[in-house]
């Protein structure tokens, strides 16, 4: 499941909300949320990459044969 694009879309929405905010505490909250969404997207991409590498690597039974 490729969720990273959804996470990045949520981050972009948080950035837009931060830019539209008139109160500093709301702006800061939106920027923190953006950072969290971007972190989740990065983490999801690392997991997907690691999973792809792991699934394409030959297992011990394949190497011994």
Protein backbone atom coordinates (compact mmCIF):
# COMPACT_ATOMS: atom_id res chain seq x y z
CA UNK A 1 0.00 0.00 0.00
CA UNK A 2 1.52 3.26 -1.10
CA UNK A 3 0.40 5.63 1.61
CA UNK A 4 3.30 8.07 1.29
CA UNK A 5 1.53 10.17 -1.40
CA UNK A 6 -1.47 10.52 0.90
CA UNK A 7 0.79 11.54 3.77
CA UNK A 8 2.48 14.14 1.55
CA UNK A 9 -0.93 15.47 0.45
CA UNK A 10 -1.91 15.87 4.10
CA UNK A 11 1.37 17.69 4.74
CA UNK A 12 0.67 20.06 1.86
CA UNK A 13 -2.79 20.77 3.27
CA UNK A 14 -1.28 21.51 6.68
CA UNK A 15 1.21 23.89 5.03
CA UNK A 16 -1.64 25.70 3.27
CA UNK A 17 -3.57 25.89 6.54
CA UNK A 18 -0.50 27.31 8.28
CA UNK A 19 -0.09 29.97 5.60
CA UNK A 20 -3.76 30.94 5.93
CA UNK A 21 -3.74 31.01 9.73
CA UNK A 22 -3.96 34.37 11.43
CA UNK A 23 -3.17 33.12 14.93
CA UNK A 24 0.42 32.17 15.67
CA UNK A 25 -0.53 29.14 17.78
CA UNK A 26 -2.68 27.76 14.95
CA UNK A 27 0.13 28.39 12.46
CA UNK A 28 2.63 26.58 14.70
CA UNK A 29 0.24 23.66 15.21
CA UNK A 30 -0.23 23.31 11.45
CA UNK A 31 3.53 23.42 10.87
CA UNK A 32 4.07 20.72 13.51
CA UNK A 33 1.38 18.62 11.83
CA UNK A 34 3.07 19.14 8.46
CA UNK A 35 6.38 17.96 9.90
CA UNK A 36 4.70 14.89 11.37
CA UNK A 37 3.04 13.99 8.05
CA UNK A 38 6.33 14.39 6.19
CA UNK A 39 8.07 12.20 8.76
CA UNK A 40 5.41 9.51 8.32
CA UNK A 41 5.79 9.70 4.53
CA UNK A 42 9.58 9.33 4.77
CA UNK A 43 9.23 6.41 7.18
CA UNK A 44 6.68 4.69 4.93
CA UNK A 45 8.97 5.06 1.92
CA UNK A 46 11.90 3.56 3.87
CA UNK A 47 9.71 0.62 4.91
CA UNK A 48 8.55 0.02 1.34
CA UNK A 49 12.13 0.15 0.06
CA UNK A 50 13.37 -2.23 2.74
CA UNK A 51 10.49 -4.62 2.07
CA UNK A 52 11.24 -4.64 -1.67
CA UNK A 53 14.91 -5.36 -1.03
CA UNK A 54 14.08 -8.11 1.46
CA UNK A 55 11.55 -9.79 -0.85
CA UNK A 56 13.91 -9.78 -3.84
CA UNK A 57 16.89 -11.18 -1.91
CA UNK A 58 17.35 -14.96 -2.24
CA UNK A 59 16.75 -16.88 0.95
CA UNK A 60 19.16 -19.39 2.56
CA UNK A 61 17.43 -22.36 0.86
CA UNK A 62 17.93 -20.80 -2.58
CA UNK A 63 21.62 -20.13 -1.96
CA UNK A 64 22.32 -23.72 -0.74
CA UNK A 65 20.62 -25.33 -3.74
